[in-house]
Amino acid sequence: EWQIEYASTPGINIRAIALRHGQRWTVALLRGSVATL
């Protein structure tokens, strides 16, 4: 499992969570308001 952070404007959060099982990757992309997060 890997956590990846990206640049964003104040009040916005953008990140990816990359998960590997064998040779296969599943990625969760989370983006949007810090308040809603």
PDB file of all heavy atoms in Angstrom:
ATOM      1  N   GLU A   1       0.859  -1.184   0.000  1.00  0.00           N
ATOM      2  CA  GLU A   1       0.000   0.000   0.000  1.00  0.00           C
ATOM      3  C   GLU A   1       0.897   1.235   0.000  1.00  0.00           C
ATOM      4  O   GLU A   1       1.862   1.310   0.763  1.00  0.00           O
ATOM      5  CB  GLU A   1      -0.917   0.032   1.219  1.00  0.00           C
ATOM      6  CG  GLU A   1      -1.782   1.303   1.275  1.00  0.00           C
ATOM      7  CD  GLU A   1      -2.754   1.334   2.437  1.00  0.00           C
ATOM      8  OE1 GLU A   1      -3.136   0.236   2.912  1.00  0.00           O
ATOM      9  OE2 GLU A   1      -3.120   2.447   2.876  1.00  0.00           O
ATOM     10  N   TRP A   2       0.554   2.195  -0.856  1.00  0.00           N
ATOM     11  CA  TRP A   2       1.314   3.439  -0.976  1.00  0.00           C
ATOM     12  C   TRP A   2       0.371   4.629  -0.897  1.00  0.00           C
ATOM     13  O   TRP A   2      -0.739   4.596  -1.429  1.00  0.00           O
ATOM     14  CB  TRP A   2       2.076   3.489  -2.299  1.00  0.00           C
ATOM     15  CG  TRP A   2       3.165   2.467  -2.393  1.00  0.00           C
ATOM     16  CD1 TRP A   2       3.033   1.147  -2.722  1.00  0.00           C
ATOM     17  CD2 TRP A   2       4.559   2.677  -2.142  1.00  0.00           C
ATOM     18  NE1 TRP A   2       4.241   0.514  -2.689  1.00  0.00           N
ATOM     19  CE2 TRP A   2       5.205   1.437  -2.341  1.00  0.00           C
ATOM     20  CE3 TRP A   2       5.321   3.787  -1.783  1.00  0.00           C
ATOM     21  CZ2 TRP A   2       6.578   1.280  -2.186  1.00  0.00           C
ATOM     22  CZ3 TRP A   2       6.687   3.632  -1.628  1.00  0.00           C
ATOM     23  CH2 TRP A   2       7.312   2.397  -1.824  1.00  0.00           C
ATOM     24  N   GLN A   3       0.823   5.684  -0.221  1.00  0.00           N
ATOM     25  CA  GLN A   3       0.064   6.925  -0.101  1.00  0.00           C
ATOM     26  C   GLN A   3       0.768   7.996  -0.933  1.00  0.00           C
ATOM     27  O   GLN A   3       1.979   8.214  -0.773  1.00  0.00           O
ATOM     28  CB  GLN A   3       0.003   7.369   1.361  1.00  0.00           C
ATOM     29  CG  GLN A   3      -0.601   6.350   2.308  1.00  0.00           C
ATOM     30  CD  GLN A   3      -2.107   6.459   2.424  1.00  0.00           C
ATOM     31  OE1 GLN A   3      -2.698   7.427   1.948  1.00  0.00           O
ATOM     32  NE2 GLN A   3      -2.721   5.495   3.076  1.00  0.00           N
ATOM     33  N   ILE A   4       0.012   8.667  -1.778  1.00  0.00           N
ATOM     34  CA  ILE A   4       0.592   9.682  -2.665  1.00  0.00           C
ATOM     35  C   ILE A   4      -0.183  10.976  -2.490  1.00  0.00           C
ATOM     36  O   ILE A   4      -1.414  10.996  -2.599  1.00  0.00           O
ATOM     37  CB  ILE A   4       0.544   9.229  -4.140  1.00  0.00           C
ATOM     38  CG1 ILE A   4       1.238   7.866  -4.291  1.00  0.00           C
ATOM     39  CG2 ILE A   4       1.212  10.269  -5.042  1.00  0.00           C
ATOM     40  CD1 ILE A   4       1.076   7.243  -5.668  1.00  0.00           C
ATOM     41  N   GLU A   5       0.526  12.066  -2.204  1.00  0.00           N
ATOM     42  CA  GLU A   5      -0.089  13.385  -2.034  1.00  0.00           C
ATOM     43  C   GLU A   5       0.234  14.262  -3.232  1.00  0.00           C
ATOM     44  O   GLU A   5       1.321  14.181  -3.808  1.00  0.00           O
ATOM     45  CB  GLU A   5       0.432  14.045  -0.752  1.00  0.00           C
ATOM     46  CG  GLU A   5       0.064  13.320   0.536  1.00  0.00           C
ATOM     47  CD  GLU A   5      -1.379  13.535   0.946  1.00  0.00           C
ATOM     48  OE1 GLU A   5      -2.011  14.486   0.439  1.00  0.00           O
ATOM     49  OE2 GLU A   5      -1.870  12.749   1.783  1.00  0.00           O
ATOM     50  N   TYR A   6      -0.737  15.138  -3.573  1.00  0.00           N
ATOM     51  CA  TYR A   6      -0.581  16.034  -4.719  1.00  0.00           C
ATOM     52  C   TYR A   6      -0.799  17.485  -4.296  1.00  0.00           C
ATOM     53  O   TYR A   6      -1.483  17.766  -3.301  1.00  0.00           O
ATOM     54  CB  TYR A   6      -1.582  15.673  -5.825  1.00  0.00           C
ATOM     55  CG  TYR A   6      -1.416  14.270  -6.346  1.00  0.00           C
ATOM     56  CD1 TYR A   6      -2.086  13.207  -5.742  1.00  0.00           C
ATOM     57  CD2 TYR A   6      -0.594  13.996  -7.429  1.00  0.00           C
ATOM     58  CE1 TYR A   6      -1.934  11.902  -6.210  1.00  0.00           C
ATOM     59  CE2 TYR A   6      -0.437  12.704  -7.907  1.00  0.00           C
ATOM     60  CZ  TYR A   6      -1.111  11.655  -7.289  1.00  0.00           C
ATOM     61  OH  TYR A   6      -0.964  10.373  -7.750  1.00  0.00           O
ATOM     62  N   ALA A   7      -0.232  18.395  -5.063  1.00  0.00           N
ATOM     63  CA  ALA A   7      -0.412  19.821  -4.800  1.00  0.00           C
ATOM     64  C   ALA A   7      -1.873  20.197  -5.005  1.00  0.00           C
ATOM     65  O   ALA A   7      -2.561  19.642  -5.869  1.00  0.00           O
ATOM     66  CB  ALA A   7       0.477  20.648  -5.729  1.00  0.00           C
ATOM     67  N   SER A   8      -2.349  21.138  -4.196  1.00  0.00           N
ATOM     68  CA  SER A   8      -3.732  21.594  -4.325  1.00  0.00           C
ATOM     69  C   SER A   8      -3.848  22.993  -3.748  1.00  0.00           C
ATOM     70  O   SER A   8      -2.933  23.479  -3.080  1.00  0.00           O
ATOM     71  CB  SER A   8      -4.700  20.646  -3.599  1.00  0.00           C
ATOM     72  OG  SER A   8      -4.374  20.581  -2.222  1.00  0.00           O
ATOM     73  N   THR A   9      -4.970  23.623  -3.992  1.00  0.00           N
ATOM     74  CA  THR A   9      -5.227  24.938  -3.431  1.00  0.00           C
ATOM     75  C   THR A   9      -5.681  24.796  -1.978  1.00  0.00           C
ATOM     76  O   THR A   9      -6.114  23.719  -1.562  1.00  0.00           O
ATOM     77  CB  THR A   9      -6.315  25.664  -4.240  1.00  0.00           C
ATOM     78  OG1 THR A   9      -7.488  24.840  -4.264  1.00  0.00           O
ATOM     79  CG2 THR A   9      -5.854  25.905  -5.666  1.00  0.00           C
ATOM     80  N   PRO A  10      -5.584  25.883  -1.172  1.00  0.00           N
ATOM     81  CA  PRO A  10      -6.027  25.796   0.223  1.00  0.00           C
ATOM     82  C   PRO A  10      -7.473  25.315   0.331  1.00  0.00           C
ATOM     83  O   PRO A  10      -8.344  25.731  -0.434  1.00  0.00           O
ATOM     84  CB  PRO A  10      -5.888  27.238   0.720  1.00  0.00           C
ATOM     85  CG  PRO A  10      -4.804  27.818  -0.133  1.00  0.00           C
ATOM     86  CD  PRO A  10      -4.996  27.200  -1.488  1.00  0.00           C
ATOM     87  N   GLY A  11      -7.721  24.413   1.272  1.00  0.00           N
ATOM     88  CA  GLY A  11      -9.066  23.884   1.475  1.00  0.00           C
ATOM     89  C   GLY A  11      -9.407  22.694   0.610  1.00  0.00           C
ATOM     90  O   GLY A  11     -10.513  22.149   0.701  1.00  0.00           O
ATOM     91  N   ILE A  12      -8.463  22.265  -0.255  1.00  0.00           N
ATOM     92  CA  ILE A  12      -8.685  21.120  -1.137  1.00  0.00           C
ATOM     93  C   ILE A  12      -7.616  20.073  -0.859  1.00  0.00           C
ATOM     94  O   ILE A  12      -6.437  20.392  -0.679  1.00  0.00           O
ATOM     95  CB  ILE A  12      -8.634  21.530  -2.627  1.00  0.00           C
ATOM     96  CG1 ILE A  12      -9.708  22.565  -2.933  1.00  0.00           C
ATOM     97  CG2 ILE A  12      -8.786  20.314  -3.530  1.00  0.00           C
ATOM     98  CD1 ILE A  12     -11.134  22.074  -2.757  1.00  0.00           C
ATOM     99  N   ASN A  13      -8.019  18.809  -0.789  1.00  0.00           N
ATOM    100  CA  ASN A  13      -7.088  17.715  -0.588  1.00  0.00           C
ATOM    101  C   ASN A  13      -7.166  16.756  -1.762  1.00  0.00           C
ATOM    102  O   ASN A  13      -8.260  16.374  -2.194  1.00  0.00           O
ATOM    103  CB  ASN A  13      -7.397  16.966   0.718  1.00  0.00           C
ATOM    104  CG  ASN A  13      -6.392  15.871   0.999  1.00  0.00           C
ATOM    105  OD1 ASN A  13      -6.532  14.738   0.553  1.00  0.00           O
ATOM    106  ND2 ASN A  13      -5.358  16.217   1.745  1.00  0.00           N
ATOM    107  N   ILE A  14      -5.995  16.374  -2.295  1.00  0.00           N
ATOM    108  CA  ILE A  14      -5.931  15.428  -3.408  1.00  0.00           C
ATOM    109  C   ILE A  14      -4.898  14.369  -3.055  1.00  0.00           C
ATOM    110  O   ILE A  14      -3.750  14.692  -2.745  1.00  0.00           O
ATOM    111  CB  ILE A  14      -5.541  16.121  -4.732  1.00  0.00           C
ATOM    112  CG1 ILE A  14      -6.511  17.258  -5.059  1.00  0.00           C
ATOM    113  CG2 ILE A  14      -5.527  15.105  -5.874  1.00  0.00           C
ATOM    114  CD1 ILE A  14      -6.108  18.091  -6.253  1.00  0.00           C
ATOM    115  N   ARG A  15      -5.306  13.125  -3.087  1.00  0.00           N
ATOM    116  CA  ARG A  15      -4.384  12.041  -2.763  1.00  0.00           C
ATOM    117  C   ARG A  15      -4.771  10.778  -3.518  1.00  0.00           C
ATOM    118  O   ARG A  15      -5.907  10.632  -3.998  1.00  0.00           O
ATOM    119  CB  ARG A  15      -4.382  11.765  -1.265  1.00  0.00           C
ATOM    120  CG  ARG A  15      -5.681  11.155  -0.759  1.00  0.00           C
ATOM    121  CD  ARG A  15      -5.625  10.861   0.739  1.00  0.00           C
ATOM    122  NE  ARG A  15      -5.632  12.088   1.524  1.00  0.00           N
ATOM    123  CZ  ARG A  15      -5.608  12.093   2.856  1.00  0.00           C
ATOM    124  NH1 ARG A  15      -5.540  10.952   3.507  1.00  0.00           N
ATOM    125  NH2 ARG A  15      -5.641  13.224   3.519  1.00  0.00           N
ATOM    126  N   ALA A  16      -3.822   9.866  -3.607  1.00  0.00           N
ATOM    127  CA  ALA A  16      -4.071   8.547  -4.187  1.00  0.00           C
ATOM    128  C   ALA A  16      -3.588   7.495  -3.212  1.00  0.00           C
ATOM    129  O   ALA A  16      -2.586   7.690  -2.513  1.00  0.00           O
ATOM    130  CB  ALA A  16      -3.356   8.403  -5.525  1.00  0.00           C
ATOM    131  N   ILE A  17      -4.301   6.388  -3.151  1.00  0.00           N
ATOM    132  CA  ILE A  17      -3.881   5.234  -2.360  1.00  0.00           C
ATOM    133  C   ILE A  17      -3.768   4.066  -3.329  1.00  0.00           C
ATOM    134  O   ILE A  17      -4.773   3.628  -3.915  1.00  0.00           O
ATOM    135  CB  ILE A  17      -4.895   4.929  -1.240  1.00  0.00           C
ATOM    136  CG1 ILE A  17      -5.024   6.142  -0.312  1.00  0.00           C
ATOM    137  CG2 ILE A  17      -4.469   3.683  -0.469  1.00  0.00           C
ATOM    138  CD1 ILE A  17      -6.120   6.004   0.718  1.00  0.00           C
ATOM    139  N   ALA A  18      -2.540   3.613  -3.541  1.00  0.00           N
ATOM    140  CA  ALA A  18      -2.275   2.545  -4.501  1.00  0.00           C
ATOM    141  C   ALA A  18      -2.069   1.226  -3.763  1.00  0.00           C
ATOM    142  O   ALA A  18      -1.222   1.133  -2.865  1.00  0.00           O
ATOM    143  CB  ALA A  18      -1.041   2.880  -5.328  1.00  0.00           C
ATOM    144  N   LEU A  19      -2.842   0.206  -4.136  1.00  0.00           N
ATOM    145  CA  LEU A  19      -2.835  -1.094  -3.469  1.00  0.00           C
ATOM    146  C   LEU A  19      -2.464  -2.187  -4.471  1.00  0.00           C
ATOM    147  O   LEU A  19      -3.047  -2.262  -5.562  1.00  0.00           O
ATOM    148  CB  LEU A  19      -4.221  -1.384  -2.891  1.00  0.00           C
ATOM    149  CG  LEU A  19      -4.758  -0.347  -1.886  1.00  0.00           C
ATOM    150  CD1 LEU A  19      -6.273  -0.408  -1.829  1.00  0.00           C
ATOM    151  CD2 LEU A  19      -4.170  -0.583  -0.510  1.00  0.00           C
ATOM    152  N   ARG A  20      -1.499  -3.021  -4.100  1.00  0.00           N
ATOM    153  CA  ARG A  20      -1.072  -4.093  -5.006  1.00  0.00           C
ATOM    154  C   ARG A  20      -1.368  -5.463  -4.408  1.00  0.00           C
ATOM    155  O   ARG A  20      -1.123  -5.710  -3.222  1.00  0.00           O
ATOM    156  CB  ARG A  20       0.431  -3.995  -5.290  1.00  0.00           C
ATOM    157  CG  ARG A  20       0.924  -5.074  -6.274  1.00  0.00           C
ATOM    158  CD  ARG A  20       2.424  -5.007  -6.504  1.00  0.00           C
ATOM    159  NE  ARG A  20       3.188  -5.308  -5.309  1.00  0.00           N
ATOM    160  CZ  ARG A  20       3.454  -6.528  -4.851  1.00  0.00           C
ATOM    161  NH1 ARG A  20       2.990  -7.601  -5.501  1.00  0.00           N
ATOM    162  NH2 ARG A  20       4.180  -6.709  -3.755  1.00  0.00           N
ATOM    163  N   HIS A  21      -1.897  -6.344  -5.256  1.00  0.00           N
ATOM    164  CA  HIS A  21      -2.062  -7.760  -4.916  1.00  0.00           C
ATOM    165  C   HIS A  21      -1.531  -8.560  -6.087  1.00  0.00           C
ATOM    166  O   HIS A  21      -2.102  -8.518  -7.195  1.00  0.00           O
ATOM    167  CB  HIS A  21      -3.528  -8.102  -4.672  1.00  0.00           C
ATOM    168  CG  HIS A  21      -3.755  -9.548  -4.340  1.00  0.00           C
ATOM    169  ND1 HIS A  21      -3.278 -10.138  -3.193  1.00  0.00           N
ATOM    170  CD2 HIS A  21      -4.398 -10.536  -5.024  1.00  0.00           C
ATOM    171  CE1 HIS A  21      -3.633 -11.409  -3.161  1.00  0.00           C
ATOM    172  NE2 HIS A  21      -4.305 -11.675  -4.271  1.00  0.00           N
ATOM    173  N   GLY A  22      -0.414  -9.264  -5.879  1.00  0.00           N
ATOM    174  CA  GLY A  22       0.244  -9.931  -7.000  1.00  0.00           C
ATOM    175  C   GLY A  22       0.744  -8.900  -7.993  1.00  0.00           C
ATOM    176  O   GLY A  22       1.463  -7.964  -7.635  1.00  0.00           O
ATOM    177  N   GLN A  23       0.358  -9.027  -9.255  1.00  0.00           N
ATOM    178  CA  GLN A  23       0.763  -8.074 -10.289  1.00  0.00           C
ATOM    179  C   GLN A  23      -0.313  -7.018 -10.554  1.00  0.00           C
ATOM    180  O   GLN A  23      -0.147  -6.180 -11.434  1.00  0.00           O
ATOM    181  CB  GLN A  23       1.054  -8.828 -11.596  1.00  0.00           C
ATOM    182  CG  GLN A  23       2.159  -9.861 -11.470  1.00  0.00           C
ATOM    183  CD  GLN A  23       3.474  -9.237 -11.020  1.00  0.00           C
ATOM    184  OE1 GLN A  23       3.909  -8.211 -11.553  1.00  0.00           O
ATOM    185  NE2 GLN A  23       4.108  -9.858 -10.017  1.00  0.00           N
ATOM    186  N   ARG A  24      -1.363  -7.059  -9.752  1.00  0.00           N
ATOM    187  CA  ARG A  24      -2.522  -6.211 -10.038  1.00  0.00           C
ATOM    188  C   ARG A  24      -2.595  -5.046  -9.063  1.00  0.00           C
ATOM    189  O   ARG A  24      -2.440  -5.211  -7.854  1.00  0.00           O
ATOM    190  CB  ARG A  24      -3.787  -7.060  -9.932  1.00  0.00           C
ATOM    191  CG  ARG A  24      -5.081  -6.334 -10.222  1.00  0.00           C
ATOM    192  CD  ARG A  24      -6.233  -7.317 -10.139  1.00  0.00           C
ATOM    193  NE  ARG A  24      -7.519  -6.695 -10.361  1.00  0.00           N
ATOM    194  CZ  ARG A  24      -8.666  -7.351 -10.373  1.00  0.00           C
ATOM    195  NH1 ARG A  24      -8.670  -8.655 -10.168  1.00  0.00           N
ATOM    196  NH2 ARG A  24      -9.802  -6.719 -10.585  1.00  0.00           N
ATOM    197  N   TRP A  25      -2.828  -3.860  -9.604  1.00  0.00           N
ATOM    198  CA  TRP A  25      -2.953  -2.647  -8.795  1.00  0.00           C
ATOM    199  C   TRP A  25      -4.394  -2.146  -8.776  1.00  0.00           C
ATOM    200  O   TRP A  25      -5.075  -2.149  -9.798  1.00  0.00           O
ATOM    201  CB  TRP A  25      -2.071  -1.532  -9.348  1.00  0.00           C
ATOM    202  CG  TRP A  25      -0.604  -1.744  -9.136  1.00  0.00           C
ATOM    203  CD1 TRP A  25       0.255  -2.377  -9.985  1.00  0.00           C
ATOM    204  CD2 TRP A  25       0.171  -1.324  -8.009  1.00  0.00           C
ATOM    205  NE1 TRP A  25       1.523  -2.388  -9.457  1.00  0.00           N
ATOM    206  CE2 TRP A  25       1.496  -1.745  -8.245  1.00  0.00           C
ATOM    207  CE3 TRP A  25      -0.121  -0.644  -6.835  1.00  0.00           C
ATOM    208  CZ2 TRP A  25       2.535  -1.499  -7.350  1.00  0.00           C
ATOM    209  CZ3 TRP A  25       0.899  -0.391  -5.936  1.00  0.00           C
ATOM    210  CH2 TRP A  25       2.207  -0.816  -6.190  1.00  0.00           C
ATOM    211  N   THR A  26      -4.849  -1.732  -7.612  1.00  0.00           N
ATOM    212  CA  THR A  26      -6.118  -1.024  -7.447  1.00  0.00           C
ATOM    213  C   THR A  26      -5.781   0.324  -6.821  1.00  0.00           C
ATOM    214  O   THR A  26      -5.005   0.396  -5.869  1.00  0.00           O
ATOM    215  CB  THR A  26      -7.081  -1.791  -6.531  1.00  0.00           C
ATOM    216  OG1 THR A  26      -7.413  -3.045  -7.157  1.00  0.00           O
ATOM    217  CG2 THR A  26      -8.361  -0.998  -6.283  1.00  0.00           C
ATOM    218  N   VAL A  27      -6.349   1.386  -7.368  1.00  0.00           N
ATOM    219  CA  VAL A  27      -6.014   2.733  -6.905  1.00  0.00           C
ATOM    220  C   VAL A  27      -7.287   3.456  -6.491  1.00  0.00           C
ATOM    221  O   VAL A  27      -8.288   3.469  -7.220  1.00  0.00           O
ATOM    222  CB  VAL A  27      -5.288   3.546  -8.001  1.00  0.00           C
ATOM    223  CG1 VAL A  27      -4.931   4.939  -7.477  1.00  0.00           C
ATOM    224  CG2 VAL A  27      -4.030   2.817  -8.451  1.00  0.00           C
ATOM    225  N   ALA A  28      -7.242   4.064  -5.308  1.00  0.00           N
ATOM    226  CA  ALA A  28      -8.315   4.936  -4.838  1.00  0.00           C
ATOM    227  C   ALA A  28      -7.839   6.374  -4.974  1.00  0.00           C
ATOM    228  O   ALA A  28      -6.779   6.736  -4.451  1.00  0.00           O
ATOM    229  CB  ALA A  28      -8.661   4.629  -3.389  1.00  0.00           C
ATOM    230  N   LEU A  29      -8.598   7.184  -5.694  1.00  0.00           N
ATOM    231  CA  LEU A  29      -8.290   8.601  -5.877  1.00  0.00           C
ATOM    232  C   LEU A  29      -9.289   9.409  -5.058  1.00  0.00           C
ATOM    233  O   LEU A  29     -10.500   9.323  -5.281  1.00  0.00           O
ATOM    234  CB  LEU A  29      -8.381   8.985  -7.351  1.00  0.00           C
ATOM    235  CG  LEU A  29      -7.512   8.157  -8.309  1.00  0.00           C
ATOM    236  CD1 LEU A  29      -7.797   8.543  -9.758  1.00  0.00           C
ATOM    237  CD2 LEU A  29      -6.037   8.324  -7.989  1.00  0.00           C
ATOM    238  N   LEU A  30      -8.799  10.167  -4.107  1.00  0.00           N
ATOM    239  CA  LEU A  30      -9.658  10.979  -3.239  1.00  0.00           C
ATOM    240  C   LEU A  30      -9.345  12.442  -3.492  1.00  0.00           C
ATOM    241  O   LEU A  30      -8.175  12.854  -3.431  1.00  0.00           O
ATOM    242  CB  LEU A  30      -9.421  10.634  -1.766  1.00  0.00           C
ATOM    243  CG  LEU A  30      -9.846   9.239  -1.302  1.00  0.00           C
ATOM    244  CD1 LEU A  30      -8.784   8.198  -1.655  1.00  0.00           C
ATOM    245  CD2 LEU A  30     -10.098   9.206   0.189  1.00  0.00           C
ATOM    246  N   ARG A  31     -10.362  13.221  -3.764  1.00  0.00           N
ATOM    247  CA  ARG A  31     -10.120  14.634  -4.086  1.00  0.00           C
ATOM    248  C   ARG A  31     -11.343  15.463  -3.717  1.00  0.00           C
ATOM    249  O   ARG A  31     -12.485  15.022  -3.870  1.00  0.00           O
ATOM    250  CB  ARG A  31      -9.802  14.800  -5.572  1.00  0.00           C
ATOM    251  CG  ARG A  31     -10.827  14.163  -6.477  1.00  0.00           C
ATOM    252  CD  ARG A  31     -10.435  14.238  -7.938  1.00  0.00           C
ATOM    253  NE  ARG A  31     -11.362  13.433  -8.732  1.00  0.00           N
ATOM    254  CZ  ARG A  31     -11.702  13.686  -9.997  1.00  0.00           C
ATOM    255  NH1 ARG A  31     -11.188  14.724 -10.605  1.00  0.00           N
ATOM    256  NH2 ARG A  31     -12.537  12.902 -10.631  1.00  0.00           N
ATOM    257  N   GLY A  32     -11.057  16.659  -3.224  1.00  0.00           N
ATOM    258  CA  GLY A  32     -12.150  17.567  -2.925  1.00  0.00           C
ATOM    259  C   GLY A  32     -11.947  18.351  -1.651  1.00  0.00           C
ATOM    260  O   GLY A  32     -10.822  18.479  -1.142  1.00  0.00           O
ATOM    261  N   SER A  33     -13.023  18.864  -1.125  1.00  0.00           N
ATOM    262  CA  SER A  33     -13.020  19.765   0.013  1.00  0.00           C
ATOM    263  C   SER A  33     -12.468  19.099   1.275  1.00  0.00           C
ATOM    264  O   SER A  33     -12.888  18.001   1.651  1.00  0.00           O
ATOM    265  CB  SER A  33     -14.449  20.251   0.270  1.00  0.00           C
ATOM    266  OG  SER A  33     -14.599  20.768   1.553  1.00  0.00           O
ATOM    267  N   VAL A  34     -11.545  19.794   1.948  1.00  0.00           N
ATOM    268  CA  VAL A  34     -11.021  19.318   3.228  1.00  0.00           C
ATOM    269  C   VAL A  34     -12.145  19.267   4.266  1.00  0.00           C
ATOM    270  O   VAL A  34     -12.182  18.379   5.118  1.00  0.00           O
ATOM    271  CB  VAL A  34      -9.872  20.220   3.707  1.00  0.00           C
ATOM    272  CG1 VAL A  34      -9.454  19.869   5.127  1.00  0.00           C
ATOM    273  CG2 VAL A  34      -8.689  20.113   2.767  1.00  0.00           C
ATOM    274  N   ALA A  35     -13.071  20.228   4.180  1.00  0.00           N
ATOM    275  CA  ALA A  35     -14.195  20.246   5.124  1.00  0.00           C
ATOM    276  C   ALA A  35     -15.046  18.986   4.992  1.00  0.00           C
ATOM    277  O   ALA A  35     -15.427  18.367   5.992  1.00  0.00           O
ATOM    278  CB  ALA A  35     -15.046  21.486   4.902  1.00  0.00           C
ATOM    279  N   THR A  36     -15.334  18.578   3.757  1.00  0.00           N
ATOM    280  CA  THR A  36     -16.128  17.369   3.549  1.00  0.00           C
ATOM    281  C   THR A  36     -15.325  16.120   3.893  1.00  0.00           C
ATOM    282  O   THR A  36     -15.860  15.160   4.458  1.00  0.00           O
ATOM    283  CB  THR A  36     -16.631  17.302   2.096  1.00  0.00           C
ATOM    284  OG1 THR A  36     -17.463  18.442   1.848  1.00  0.00           O
ATOM    285  CG2 THR A  36     -17.434  16.039   1.840  1.00  0.00           C
ATOM    286  N   LEU A  37     -14.028  16.117   3.580  1.00  0.00           N
ATOM    287  CA  LEU A  37     -13.168  15.013   3.973  1.00  0.00           C
ATOM    288  C   LEU A  37     -13.214  14.813   5.480  1.00  0.00           C
ATOM    289  O   LEU A  37     -13.314  13.681   5.972  1.00  0.00           O
ATOM    290  CB  LEU A  37     -11.733  15.298   3.524  1.00  0.00           C
ATOM    291  CG  LEU A  37     -10.647  14.332   4.010  1.00  0.00           C
ATOM    292  CD1 LEU A  37     -10.889  12.928   3.485  1.00  0.00           C
ATOM    293  CD2 LEU A  37      -9.263  14.831   3.595  1.00  0.00           C
TER     294      LEU A  37
END
